[in-house]
Amino acid sequence: MDDHHHHSHDHHHGHDHSELSDIELRVRALESILVEKGYVDPAAIDVLVETYETKVGPRNGGKVVAKAWADPSYRDWLRKDATAAIASLGFTGRQGEHMVAVENTPQEHNMVVCTLCSCYPWPVLGLPPVWYKSAPYRSRAVIDPRGVLKEFGVELPETTRIRVWDSTAEIRYLVLPMRPEGTQGWSEEALADLVTRDSMIGTGLALRPDQMVAA
């Protein structure tokens, strides 16, 4: 059974999400000028954005998940009051004021989407991936979450229930993925390396130890 948890989308963002915001327009204009004058290389900008999006940004969330895996009392705190638990590690700021953590189990898999725009916990996960903001993901994640997961390479047993959580300007979600087997005794730092951005959105799973060796 696949469930969709919809919350009010009274976003009050002050702009139409079908168009670029004023800030985005200014950034693009500045980028164009810098590129035109030869001050920056477009390829270098792409690499920088990709690095922050996939490597630097999600490291915060990875530390949160690793601590939850290693410390049962912290995990309980994270589940009861994610905002405070995450803030205790120094990860706070706009877009991360009201956090809720949902935990994956063998019986239940959680997945996050923002159906009306792209609300995303920046302080914990960094920059949102392009696909998270795309209309196809925002609609299909609700209609066919199991099919979307399969496209991401995640095939769950039919007995595993999928719950889709709808982020809003008021509430943002962090998925606590299942801890991989074979990691007993690992340090929090080592465990954090197994946590991927997609596993904290729910479109992926944490890496297995053998996958780290292969990488």
Foldseek 3Di string as FASTA:
>chain_A
DEAEDDDDAPFPPPDQQVDDDPVRVVVVVVVVVCVVVPNDDPVVVVVVLVCQQWPVQQLLLLLLLLCVVVPVVLVVVCQVAVQVSSVVVVQDDQLRNAEHEDEDDLQEFEAEAAQRAQRARCSNRNDDDPVRGDNVCSPCCRVPVQVLLVVLVDHHPPNHYYYYYHDHSRYDYWYNADQAPPCPPPDSVVSSVQDTSCVRRRSDHGHHPVVVVVD
